[in-house]
Amino acid sequence: MNTRVAKINGLIQDILNNIILKDLSLKEGVFITISKVDTTSDLRYTRVSVSIFPEREIKYAVKTLEHELYKMQGTLNRKLHMKPLPKIEFRVDMTESRADEIEKLLREI
């Protein structure tokens, strides 16, 4: 990955983190964190991996992100001073869940 894309990934992660913390209204006890941002080399698409806690609220959190996507995209577009503006796409990152399962299996051995 070139340094420009890496800087853009970091900037997008910071902006989206602020939006999630300040503007996204979630049920009490539901947390969304951005674990990874991956922008294509042509800067047209950004895949945002999110971790959601607790796991039983994944459907609710994904539905909330999808509902607020247009608004979040608009805020991101206003804050990024570049062309083209990458289109964001959210994906649920299940890494922590898998790590917990592996750790649980290892304890049983």
PDB file of N, CA and C in Angstrom:
ATOM      1  N   MET A   1       0.855  -1.170   0.000  1.00  0.00           N
ATOM      2  CA  MET A   1       0.000   0.000   0.000  1.00  0.00           C
ATOM      3  C   MET A   1       0.901   1.234   0.000  1.00  0.00           C
ATOM      4  N   ASN A   2       0.576   2.197  -0.856  1.00  0.00           N
ATOM      5  CA  ASN A   2       1.411   3.390  -0.891  1.00  0.00           C
ATOM      6  C   ASN A   2       1.072   4.319   0.267  1.00  0.00           C
ATOM      7  N   THR A   3       1.957   5.274   0.509  1.00  0.00           N
ATOM      8  CA  THR A   3       1.800   6.132   1.686  1.00  0.00           C
ATOM      9  C   THR A   3       0.576   7.037   1.589  1.00  0.00           C
ATOM     10  N   ARG A   4       0.212   7.451   0.384  1.00  0.00           N
ATOM     11  CA  ARG A   4      -0.968   8.310   0.240  1.00  0.00           C
ATOM     12  C   ARG A   4      -2.225   7.561   0.681  1.00  0.00           C
ATOM     13  N   VAL A   5      -2.379   6.340   0.218  1.00  0.00           N
ATOM     14  CA  VAL A   5      -3.552   5.545   0.598  1.00  0.00           C
ATOM     15  C   VAL A   5      -3.538   5.279   2.103  1.00  0.00           C
ATOM     16  N   ALA A   6      -2.362   5.018   2.666  1.00  0.00           N
ATOM     17  CA  ALA A   6      -2.261   4.781   4.111  1.00  0.00           C
ATOM     18  C   ALA A   6      -2.689   6.026   4.896  1.00  0.00           C
ATOM     19  N   LYS A   7      -2.282   7.200   4.449  1.00  0.00           N
ATOM     20  CA  LYS A   7      -2.678   8.445   5.122  1.00  0.00           C
ATOM     21  C   LYS A   7      -4.181   8.673   5.001  1.00  0.00           C
ATOM     22  N   ILE A   8      -4.718   8.396   3.818  1.00  0.00           N
ATOM     23  CA  ILE A   8      -6.164   8.548   3.609  1.00  0.00           C
ATOM     24  C   ILE A   8      -6.930   7.575   4.497  1.00  0.00           C
ATOM     25  N   ASN A   9      -6.447   6.336   4.615  1.00  0.00           N
ATOM     26  CA  ASN A   9      -7.086   5.355   5.505  1.00  0.00           C
ATOM     27  C   ASN A   9      -7.132   5.872   6.935  1.00  0.00           C
ATOM     28  N   GLY A  10      -6.015   6.420   7.413  1.00  0.00           N
ATOM     29  CA  GLY A  10      -5.964   6.956   8.770  1.00  0.00           C
ATOM     30  C   GLY A  10      -6.916   8.122   8.962  1.00  0.00           C
ATOM     31  N   LEU A  11      -6.973   9.003   7.974  1.00  0.00           N
ATOM     32  CA  LEU A  11      -7.864  10.158   8.047  1.00  0.00           C
ATOM     33  C   LEU A  11      -9.329   9.720   8.050  1.00  0.00           C
ATOM     34  N   ILE A  12      -9.673   8.790   7.176  1.00  0.00           N
ATOM     35  CA  ILE A  12     -11.047   8.276   7.123  1.00  0.00           C
ATOM     36  C   ILE A  12     -11.413   7.605   8.444  1.00  0.00           C
ATOM     37  N   GLN A  13     -10.484   6.839   9.012  1.00  0.00           N
ATOM     38  CA  GLN A  13     -10.755   6.177  10.290  1.00  0.00           C
ATOM     39  C   GLN A  13     -11.012   7.209  11.384  1.00  0.00           C
ATOM     40  N   ASP A  14     -10.209   8.265  11.438  1.00  0.00           N
ATOM     41  CA  ASP A  14     -10.412   9.311  12.449  1.00  0.00           C
ATOM     42  C   ASP A  14     -11.769   9.994  12.289  1.00  0.00           C
ATOM     43  N   ILE A  15     -12.106  10.351  11.054  1.00  0.00           N
ATOM     44  CA  ILE A  15     -13.374  11.041  10.799  1.00  0.00           C
ATOM     45  C   ILE A  15     -14.555  10.143  11.164  1.00  0.00           C
ATOM     46  N   LEU A  16     -14.523   8.891  10.716  1.00  0.00           N
ATOM     47  CA  LEU A  16     -15.642   7.983  11.004  1.00  0.00           C
ATOM     48  C   LEU A  16     -15.743   7.658  12.494  1.00  0.00           C
ATOM     49  N   ASN A  17     -14.599   7.534  13.175  1.00  0.00           N
ATOM     50  CA  ASN A  17     -14.632   7.324  14.629  1.00  0.00           C
ATOM     51  C   ASN A  17     -15.353   8.475  15.317  1.00  0.00           C
ATOM     52  N   ASN A  18     -15.042   9.706  14.915  1.00  0.00           N
ATOM     53  CA  ASN A  18     -15.704  10.871  15.509  1.00  0.00           C
ATOM     54  C   ASN A  18     -17.198  10.869  15.216  1.00  0.00           C
ATOM     55  N   ILE A  19     -17.571  10.514  13.997  1.00  0.00           N
ATOM     56  CA  ILE A  19     -18.993  10.456  13.642  1.00  0.00           C
ATOM     57  C   ILE A  19     -19.705   9.413  14.498  1.00  0.00           C
ATOM     58  N   ILE A  20     -19.105   8.232  14.632  1.00  0.00           N
ATOM     59  CA  ILE A  20     -19.727   7.160  15.419  1.00  0.00           C
ATOM     60  C   ILE A  20     -19.865   7.573  16.879  1.00  0.00           C
ATOM     61  N   LEU A  21     -18.840   8.211  17.427  1.00  0.00           N
ATOM     62  CA  LEU A  21     -18.877   8.622  18.831  1.00  0.00           C
ATOM     63  C   LEU A  21     -19.866   9.754  19.092  1.00  0.00           C
ATOM     64  N   LYS A  22     -19.900  10.744  18.206  1.00  0.00           N
ATOM     65  CA  LYS A  22     -20.668  11.957  18.481  1.00  0.00           C
ATOM     66  C   LYS A  22     -22.049  11.985  17.840  1.00  0.00           C
ATOM     67  N   ASP A  23     -22.179  11.449  16.649  1.00  0.00           N
ATOM     68  CA  ASP A  23     -23.422  11.635  15.898  1.00  0.00           C
ATOM     69  C   ASP A  23     -24.316  10.402  15.823  1.00  0.00           C
ATOM     70  N   LEU A  24     -23.755   9.238  16.012  1.00  0.00           N
ATOM     71  CA  LEU A  24     -24.536   8.008  15.874  1.00  0.00           C
ATOM     72  C   LEU A  24     -25.227   7.699  17.199  1.00  0.00           C
ATOM     73  N   SER A  25     -26.543   7.596  17.160  1.00  0.00           N
ATOM     74  CA  SER A  25     -27.270   7.301  18.398  1.00  0.00           C
ATOM     75  C   SER A  25     -27.520   5.798  18.474  1.00  0.00           C
ATOM     76  N   LEU A  26     -26.850   5.175  19.429  1.00  0.00           N
ATOM     77  CA  LEU A  26     -26.956   3.733  19.647  1.00  0.00           C
ATOM     78  C   LEU A  26     -27.636   3.469  20.978  1.00  0.00           C
ATOM     79  N   LYS A  27     -28.192   2.275  21.108  1.00  0.00           N
ATOM     80  CA  LYS A  27     -28.746   1.863  22.397  1.00  0.00           C
ATOM     81  C   LYS A  27     -27.629   1.872  23.435  1.00  0.00           C
ATOM     82  N   GLU A  28     -28.018   2.082  24.667  1.00  0.00           N
ATOM     83  CA  GLU A  28     -27.040   2.062  25.751  1.00  0.00           C
ATOM     84  C   GLU A  28     -26.396   0.678  25.841  1.00  0.00           C
ATOM     85  N   GLY A  29     -25.077   0.666  25.957  1.00  0.00           N
ATOM     86  CA  GLY A  29     -24.351  -0.585  26.088  1.00  0.00           C
ATOM     87  C   GLY A  29     -23.903  -1.197  24.778  1.00  0.00           C
ATOM     88  N   VAL A  30     -24.200  -0.549  23.646  1.00  0.00           N
ATOM     89  CA  VAL A  30     -23.763  -1.040  22.341  1.00  0.00           C
ATOM     90  C   VAL A  30     -22.578  -0.193  21.892  1.00  0.00           C
ATOM     91  N   PHE A  31     -21.506  -0.868  21.516  1.00  0.00           N
ATOM     92  CA  PHE A  31     -20.289  -0.170  21.114  1.00  0.00           C
ATOM     93  C   PHE A  31     -19.865  -0.617  19.720  1.00  0.00           C
ATOM     94  N   ILE A  32     -19.501   0.359  18.894  1.00  0.00           N
ATOM     95  CA  ILE A  32     -18.979   0.091  17.560  1.00  0.00           C
ATOM     96  C   ILE A  32     -17.595   0.714  17.485  1.00  0.00           C
ATOM     97  N   THR A  33     -16.613  -0.097  17.119  1.00  0.00           N
ATOM     98  CA  THR A  33     -15.260   0.423  16.929  1.00  0.00           C
ATOM     99  C   THR A  33     -14.776   0.042  15.538  1.00  0.00           C
ATOM    100  N   ILE A  34     -14.008   0.930  14.955  1.00  0.00           N
ATOM    101  CA  ILE A  34     -13.450   0.669  13.634  1.00  0.00           C
ATOM    102  C   ILE A  34     -12.131  -0.054  13.825  1.00  0.00           C
ATOM    103  N   SER A  35     -12.048  -1.267  13.291  1.00  0.00           N
ATOM    104  CA  SER A  35     -10.829  -2.059  13.452  1.00  0.00           C
ATOM    105  C   SER A  35      -9.888  -1.923  12.267  1.00  0.00           C
ATOM    106  N   LYS A  36     -10.428  -1.600  11.091  1.00  0.00           N
ATOM    107  CA  LYS A  36      -9.569  -1.494   9.911  1.00  0.00           C
ATOM    108  C   LYS A  36     -10.276  -0.676   8.839  1.00  0.00           C
ATOM    109  N   VAL A  37      -9.487   0.115   8.112  1.00  0.00           N
ATOM    110  CA  VAL A  37      -9.990   0.862   6.964  1.00  0.00           C
ATOM    111  C   VAL A  37      -9.103   0.507   5.788  1.00  0.00           C
ATOM    112  N   ASP A  38      -9.722   0.115   4.690  1.00  0.00           N
ATOM    113  CA  ASP A  38      -8.966  -0.294   3.506  1.00  0.00           C
ATOM    114  C   ASP A  38      -9.553   0.402   2.279  1.00  0.00           C
ATOM    115  N   THR A  39      -8.797   1.350   1.731  1.00  0.00           N
ATOM    116  CA  THR A  39      -9.229   2.103   0.554  1.00  0.00           C
ATOM    117  C   THR A  39      -8.557   1.523  -0.678  1.00  0.00           C
ATOM    118  N   THR A  40      -9.315   1.407  -1.763  1.00  0.00           N
ATOM    119  CA  THR A  40      -8.740   0.886  -3.002  1.00  0.00           C
ATOM    120  C   THR A  40      -7.709   1.870  -3.548  1.00  0.00           C
ATOM    121  N   SER A  41      -6.796   1.371  -4.367  1.00  0.00           N
ATOM    122  CA  SER A  41      -5.716   2.214  -4.889  1.00  0.00           C
ATOM    123  C   SER A  41      -6.235   3.327  -5.800  1.00  0.00           C
ATOM    124  N   ASP A  42      -7.411   3.141  -6.413  1.00  0.00           N
ATOM    125  CA  ASP A  42      -7.982   4.207  -7.247  1.00  0.00           C
ATOM    126  C   ASP A  42      -8.819   5.196  -6.419  1.00  0.00           C
ATOM    127  N   LEU A  43      -8.877   4.986  -5.093  1.00  0.00           N
ATOM    128  CA  LEU A  43      -9.541   5.864  -4.121  1.00  0.00           C
ATOM    129  C   LEU A  43     -11.056   5.980  -4.328  1.00  0.00           C
ATOM    130  N   ARG A  44     -11.661   5.013  -4.969  1.00  0.00           N
ATOM    131  CA  ARG A  44     -13.100   5.080  -5.228  1.00  0.00           C
ATOM    132  C   ARG A  44     -13.931   4.381  -4.142  1.00  0.00           C
ATOM    133  N   TYR A  45     -13.350   3.421  -3.455  1.00  0.00           N
ATOM    134  CA  TYR A  45     -14.091   2.649  -2.448  1.00  0.00           C
ATOM    135  C   TYR A  45     -13.256   2.489  -1.185  1.00  0.00           C
ATOM    136  N   THR A  46     -13.945   2.524  -0.055  1.00  0.00           N
ATOM    137  CA  THR A  46     -13.308   2.287   1.233  1.00  0.00           C
ATOM    138  C   THR A  46     -14.110   1.238   1.978  1.00  0.00           C
ATOM    139  N   ARG A  47     -13.448   0.152   2.334  1.00  0.00           N
ATOM    140  CA  ARG A  47     -14.070  -0.915   3.117  1.00  0.00           C
ATOM    141  C   ARG A  47     -13.699  -0.665   4.581  1.00  0.00           C
ATOM    142  N   VAL A  48     -14.709  -0.492   5.411  1.00  0.00           N
ATOM    143  CA  VAL A  48     -14.507  -0.193   6.826  1.00  0.00           C
ATOM    144  C   VAL A  48     -14.937  -1.408   7.640  1.00  0.00           C
ATOM    145  N   SER A  49     -13.978  -2.019   8.337  1.00  0.00           N
ATOM    146  CA  SER A  49     -14.275  -3.169   9.198  1.00  0.00           C
ATOM    147  C   SER A  49     -14.593  -2.656  10.597  1.00  0.00           C
ATOM    148  N   VAL A  50     -15.729  -3.076  11.125  1.00  0.00           N
ATOM    149  CA  VAL A  50     -16.150  -2.631  12.450  1.00  0.00           C
ATOM    150  C   VAL A  50     -16.319  -3.823  13.385  1.00  0.00           C
ATOM    151  N   SER A  51     -15.941  -3.600  14.637  1.00  0.00           N
ATOM    152  CA  SER A  51     -16.192  -4.581  15.696  1.00  0.00           C
ATOM    153  C   SER A  51     -17.387  -4.071  16.492  1.00  0.00           C
ATOM    154  N   ILE A  52     -18.275  -4.974  16.831  1.00  0.00           N
ATOM    155  CA  ILE A  52     -19.495  -4.597  17.539  1.00  0.00           C
ATOM    156  C   ILE A  52     -19.577  -5.402  18.827  1.00  0.00           C
ATOM    157  N   PHE A  53     -19.846  -4.686  19.918  1.00  0.00           N
ATOM    158  CA  PHE A  53     -19.981  -5.329  21.218  1.00  0.00           C
ATOM    159  C   PHE A  53     -21.260  -4.833  21.858  1.00  0.00           C
ATOM    160  N   PRO A  54     -22.042  -5.674  22.431  1.00  0.00           N
ATOM    161  CA  PRO A  54     -21.971  -7.121  22.505  1.00  0.00           C
ATOM    162  C   PRO A  54     -22.415  -7.756  21.182  1.00  0.00           C
ATOM    163  N   GLU A  55     -21.990  -8.984  20.996  1.00  0.00           N
ATOM    164  CA  GLU A  55     -22.269  -9.685  19.737  1.00  0.00           C
ATOM    165  C   GLU A  55     -23.759  -9.853  19.466  1.00  0.00           C
ATOM    166  N   ARG A  56     -24.547  -9.969  20.503  1.00  0.00           N
ATOM    167  CA  ARG A  56     -25.989 -10.173  20.296  1.00  0.00           C
ATOM    168  C   ARG A  56     -26.647  -8.943  19.661  1.00  0.00           C
ATOM    169  N   GLU A  57     -25.944  -7.815  19.621  1.00  0.00           N
ATOM    170  CA  GLU A  57     -26.491  -6.582  19.043  1.00  0.00           C
ATOM    171  C   GLU A  57     -25.947  -6.294  17.644  1.00  0.00           C
ATOM    172  N   ILE A  58     -25.316  -7.289  17.009  1.00  0.00           N
ATOM    173  CA  ILE A  58     -24.722  -7.068  15.686  1.00  0.00           C
ATOM    174  C   ILE A  58     -25.782  -6.638  14.678  1.00  0.00           C
ATOM    175  N   LYS A  59     -26.917  -7.327  14.635  1.00  0.00           N
ATOM    176  CA  LYS A  59     -27.966  -6.975  13.664  1.00  0.00           C
ATOM    177  C   LYS A  59     -28.442  -5.542  13.869  1.00  0.00           C
ATOM    178  N   TYR A  60     -28.670  -5.177  15.127  1.00  0.00           N
ATOM    179  CA  TYR A  60     -29.112  -3.816  15.438  1.00  0.00           C
ATOM    180  C   TYR A  60     -28.067  -2.793  14.991  1.00  0.00           C
ATOM    181  N   ALA A  61     -26.800  -3.044  15.308  1.00  0.00           N
ATOM    182  CA  ALA A  61     -25.733  -2.096  14.977  1.00  0.00           C
ATOM    183  C   ALA A  61     -25.551  -1.964  13.467  1.00  0.00           C
ATOM    184  N   VAL A  62     -25.600  -3.083  12.758  1.00  0.00           N
ATOM    185  CA  VAL A  62     -25.461  -3.045  11.295  1.00  0.00           C
ATOM    186  C   VAL A  62     -26.629  -2.280  10.680  1.00  0.00           C
ATOM    187  N   LYS A  63     -27.832  -2.522  11.176  1.00  0.00           N
ATOM    188  CA  LYS A  63     -29.006  -1.809  10.666  1.00  0.00           C
ATOM    189  C   LYS A  63     -28.864  -0.302  10.914  1.00  0.00           C
ATOM    190  N   THR A  64     -28.345   0.070  12.082  1.00  0.00           N
ATOM    191  CA  THR A  64     -28.132   1.483  12.398  1.00  0.00           C
ATOM    192  C   THR A  64     -27.092   2.094  11.465  1.00  0.00           C
ATOM    193  N   LEU A  65     -25.984   1.376  11.234  1.00  0.00           N
ATOM    194  CA  LEU A  65     -24.958   1.877  10.316  1.00  0.00           C
ATOM    195  C   LEU A  65     -25.518   2.043   8.906  1.00  0.00           C
ATOM    196  N   GLU A  66     -26.288   1.070   8.449  1.00  0.00           N
ATOM    197  CA  GLU A  66     -26.883   1.158   7.112  1.00  0.00           C
ATOM    198  C   GLU A  66     -27.859   2.330   7.022  1.00  0.00           C
ATOM    199  N   HIS A  67     -28.626   2.537   8.079  1.00  0.00           N
ATOM    200  CA  HIS A  67     -29.598   3.633   8.100  1.00  0.00           C
ATOM    201  C   HIS A  67     -28.900   4.991   8.059  1.00  0.00           C
ATOM    202  N   GLU A  68     -27.767   5.111   8.714  1.00  0.00           N
ATOM    203  CA  GLU A  68     -27.039   6.379   8.802  1.00  0.00           C
ATOM    204  C   GLU A  68     -25.944   6.519   7.749  1.00  0.00           C
ATOM    205  N   LEU A  69     -25.815   5.547   6.860  1.00  0.00           N
ATOM    206  CA  LEU A  69     -24.721   5.541   5.881  1.00  0.00           C
ATOM    207  C   LEU A  69     -24.703   6.791   5.011  1.00  0.00           C
ATOM    208  N   TYR A  70     -25.847   7.200   4.498  1.00  0.00           N
ATOM    209  CA  TYR A  70     -25.908   8.364   3.615  1.00  0.00           C
ATOM    210  C   TYR A  70     -25.422   9.621   4.340  1.00  0.00           C
ATOM    211  N   LYS A  71     -25.885   9.796   5.563  1.00  0.00           N
ATOM    212  CA  LYS A  71     -25.484  10.954   6.370  1.00  0.00           C
ATOM    213  C   LYS A  71     -23.987  10.902   6.693  1.00  0.00           C
ATOM    214  N   MET A  72     -23.493   9.716   7.048  1.00  0.00           N
ATOM    215  CA  MET A  72     -22.072   9.560   7.362  1.00  0.00           C
ATOM    216  C   MET A  72     -21.217   9.811   6.122  1.00  0.00           C
ATOM    217  N   GLN A  73     -21.674   9.316   4.972  1.00  0.00           N
ATOM    218  CA  GLN A  73     -20.947   9.532   3.717  1.00  0.00           C
ATOM    219  C   GLN A  73     -20.874  11.026   3.407  1.00  0.00           C
ATOM    220  N   GLY A  74     -21.961  11.745   3.612  1.00  0.00           N
ATOM    221  CA  GLY A  74     -21.984  13.188   3.372  1.00  0.00           C
ATOM    222  C   GLY A  74     -21.023  13.933   4.273  1.00  0.00           C
ATOM    223  N   THR A  75     -21.000  13.580   5.550  1.00  0.00           N
ATOM    224  CA  THR A  75     -20.069  14.212   6.488  1.00  0.00           C
ATOM    225  C   THR A  75     -18.630  13.922   6.089  1.00  0.00           C
ATOM    226  N   LEU A  76     -18.351  12.685   5.734  1.00  0.00           N
ATOM    227  CA  LEU A  76     -17.008  12.309   5.293  1.00  0.00           C
ATOM    228  C   LEU A  76     -16.617  13.101   4.046  1.00  0.00           C
ATOM    229  N   ASN A  77     -17.525  13.211   3.088  1.00  0.00           N
ATOM    230  CA  ASN A  77     -17.240  13.938   1.853  1.00  0.00           C
ATOM    231  C   ASN A  77     -16.925  15.407   2.118  1.00  0.00           C
ATOM    232  N   ARG A  78     -17.638  16.023   3.071  1.00  0.00           N
ATOM    233  CA  ARG A  78     -17.377  17.428   3.396  1.00  0.00           C
ATOM    234  C   ARG A  78     -16.020  17.619   4.065  1.00  0.00           C
ATOM    235  N   LYS A  79     -15.580  16.623   4.830  1.00  0.00           N
ATOM    236  CA  LYS A  79     -14.321  16.764   5.564  1.00  0.00           C
ATOM    237  C   LYS A  79     -13.099  16.358   4.750  1.00  0.00           C
ATOM    238  N   LEU A  80     -13.297  15.507   3.764  1.00  0.00           N
ATOM    239  CA  LEU A  80     -12.184  15.110   2.898  1.00  0.00           C
ATOM    240  C   LEU A  80     -12.097  16.108   1.753  1.00  0.00           C
ATOM    241  N   HIS A  81     -10.950  16.680   1.569  1.00  0.00           N
ATOM    242  CA  HIS A  81     -10.762  17.638   0.483  1.00  0.00           C
ATOM    243  C   HIS A  81      -9.954  16.961  -0.606  1.00  0.00           C
ATOM    244  N   MET A  82     -10.620  16.077  -1.341  1.00  0.00           N
ATOM    245  CA  MET A  82      -9.933  15.314  -2.381  1.00  0.00           C
ATOM    246  C   MET A  82     -10.937  14.836  -3.415  1.00  0.00           C
ATOM    247  N   LYS A  83     -10.421  14.440  -4.534  1.00  0.00           N
ATOM    248  CA  LYS A  83     -11.210  13.817  -5.594  1.00  0.00           C
ATOM    249  C   LYS A  83     -10.435  12.603  -6.059  1.00  0.00           C
ATOM    250  N   PRO A  84     -11.045  11.484  -6.354  1.00  0.00           N
ATOM    251  CA  PRO A  84     -12.450  11.174  -6.108  1.00  0.00           C
ATOM    252  C   PRO A  84     -12.699  10.946  -4.624  1.00  0.00           C
ATOM    253  N   LEU A  85     -13.940  11.054  -4.240  1.00  0.00           N
ATOM    254  CA  LEU A  85     -14.327  10.783  -2.857  1.00  0.00           C
ATOM    255  C   LEU A  85     -14.696   9.306  -2.741  1.00  0.00           C
ATOM    256  N   PRO A  86     -14.029   8.582  -1.844  1.00  0.00           N
ATOM    257  CA  PRO A  86     -14.305   7.144  -1.739  1.00  0.00           C
ATOM    258  C   PRO A  86     -15.686   6.859  -1.140  1.00  0.00           C
ATOM    259  N   LYS A  87     -16.342   5.873  -1.702  1.00  0.00           N
ATOM    260  CA  LYS A  87     -17.644   5.421  -1.206  1.00  0.00           C
ATOM    261  C   LYS A  87     -17.393   4.408  -0.090  1.00  0.00           C
ATOM    262  N   ILE A  88     -18.011   4.633   1.079  1.00  0.00           N
ATOM    263  CA  ILE A  88     -17.750   3.742   2.211  1.00  0.00           C
ATOM    264  C   ILE A  88     -18.702   2.546   2.212  1.00  0.00           C
ATOM    265  N   GLU A  89     -18.146   1.441   2.673  1.00  0.00           N
ATOM    266  CA  GLU A  89     -18.887   0.188   2.800  1.00  0.00           C
ATOM    267  C   GLU A  89     -18.470  -0.428   4.134  1.00  0.00           C
ATOM    268  N   PHE A  90     -19.437  -0.780   4.966  1.00  0.00           N
ATOM    269  CA  PHE A  90     -19.139  -1.354   6.272  1.00  0.00           C
ATOM    270  C   PHE A  90     -19.166  -2.873   6.214  1.00  0.00           C
ATOM    271  N   ARG A  91     -18.250  -3.479   6.955  1.00  0.00           N
ATOM    272  CA  ARG A  91     -18.210  -4.936   7.123  1.00  0.00           C
ATOM    273  C   ARG A  91     -17.982  -5.233   8.597  1.00  0.00           C
ATOM    274  N   VAL A  92     -18.616  -6.272   9.074  1.00  0.00           N
ATOM    275  CA  VAL A  92     -18.440  -6.665  10.477  1.00  0.00           C
ATOM    276  C   VAL A  92     -17.171  -7.494  10.596  1.00  0.00           C
ATOM    277  N   ASP A  93     -16.305  -7.097  11.512  1.00  0.00           N
ATOM    278  CA  ASP A  93     -15.051  -7.801  11.774  1.00  0.00           C
ATOM    279  C   ASP A  93     -15.290  -8.779  12.925  1.00  0.00           C
ATOM    280  N   MET A  94     -15.198 -10.059  12.625  1.00  0.00           N
ATOM    281  CA  MET A  94     -15.460 -11.093  13.625  1.00  0.00           C
ATOM    282  C   MET A  94     -14.170 -11.642  14.241  1.00  0.00           C
ATOM    283  N   THR A  95     -13.056 -10.951  14.069  1.00  0.00           N
ATOM    284  CA  THR A  95     -11.762 -11.426  14.553  1.00  0.00           C
ATOM    285  C   THR A  95     -11.772 -11.673  16.060  1.00  0.00           C
ATOM    286  N   GLU A  96     -12.304 -10.719  16.818  1.00  0.00           N
ATOM    287  CA  GLU A  96     -12.318 -10.876  18.279  1.00  0.00           C
ATOM    288  C   GLU A  96     -13.168 -12.067  18.697  1.00  0.00           C
ATOM    289  N   SER A  97     -14.279 -12.255  18.033  1.00  0.00           N
ATOM    290  CA  SER A  97     -15.158 -13.380  18.343  1.00  0.00           C
ATOM    291  C   SER A  97     -14.448 -14.704  18.080  1.00  0.00           C
ATOM    292  N   ARG A  98     -13.767 -14.783  16.943  1.00  0.00           N
ATOM    293  CA  ARG A  98     -13.030 -16.011  16.614  1.00  0.00           C
ATOM    294  C   ARG A  98     -11.889 -16.243  17.599  1.00  0.00           C
ATOM    295  N   ALA A  99     -11.218 -15.180  17.993  1.00  0.00           N
ATOM    296  CA  ALA A  99     -10.126 -15.309  18.958  1.00  0.00           C
ATOM    297  C   ALA A  99     -10.656 -15.827  20.295  1.00  0.00           C
ATOM    298  N   ASP A 100     -11.821 -15.337  20.709  1.00  0.00           N
ATOM    299  CA  ASP A 100     -12.436 -15.821  21.951  1.00  0.00           C
ATOM    300  C   ASP A 100     -12.784 -17.304  21.861  1.00  0.00           C
ATOM    301  N   GLU A 101     -13.300 -17.723  20.703  1.00  0.00           N
ATOM    302  CA  GLU A 101     -13.640 -19.135  20.512  1.00  0.00           C
ATOM    303  C   GLU A 101     -12.393 -20.012  20.584  1.00  0.00           C
ATOM    304  N   ILE A 102     -11.314 -19.582  19.939  1.00  0.00           N
ATOM    305  CA  ILE A 102     -10.061 -20.346  19.951  1.00  0.00           C
ATOM    306  C   ILE A 102      -9.500 -20.416  21.361  1.00  0.00           C
ATOM    307  N   GLU A 103      -9.535 -19.286  22.060  1.00  0.00           N
ATOM    308  CA  GLU A 103      -9.040 -19.259  23.439  1.00  0.00           C
ATOM    309  C   GLU A 103      -9.849 -20.206  24.323  1.00  0.00           C
ATOM    310  N   LYS A 104     -11.153 -20.238  24.129  1.00  0.00           N
ATOM    311  CA  LYS A 104     -12.026 -21.128  24.899  1.00  0.00           C
ATOM    312  C   LYS A 104     -11.681 -22.591  24.614  1.00  0.00           C
ATOM    313  N   LEU A 105     -11.460 -22.917  23.336  1.00  0.00           N
ATOM    314  CA  LEU A 105     -11.090 -24.287  22.965  1.00  0.00           C
ATOM    315  C   LEU A 105      -9.739 -24.678  23.560  1.00  0.00           C
ATOM    316  N   LEU A 106      -8.795 -23.750  23.559  1.00  0.00           N
ATOM    317  CA  LEU A 106      -7.474 -24.041  24.117  1.00  0.00           C
ATOM    318  C   LEU A 106      -7.541 -24.287  25.622  1.00  0.00           C
ATOM    319  N   ARG A 107      -8.422 -23.589  26.312  1.00  0.00           N
ATOM    320  CA  ARG A 107      -8.582 -23.797  27.753  1.00  0.00           C
ATOM    321  C   ARG A 107      -9.141 -25.180  28.059  1.00  0.00           C
ATOM    322  N   GLU A 108      -9.973 -25.694  27.142  1.00  0.00           N
ATOM    323  CA  GLU A 108     -10.584 -27.003  27.349  1.00  0.00           C
ATOM    324  C   GLU A 108      -9.592 -28.144  27.179  1.00  0.00           C
ATOM    325  N   ILE A 109      -8.503 -27.891  26.465  1.00  0.00           N
ATOM    326  CA  ILE A 109      -7.523 -28.959  26.197  1.00  0.00           C
ATOM    327  C   ILE A 109      -6.719 -29.276  27.433  1.00  0.00           C
TER     328      ILE A 109
END
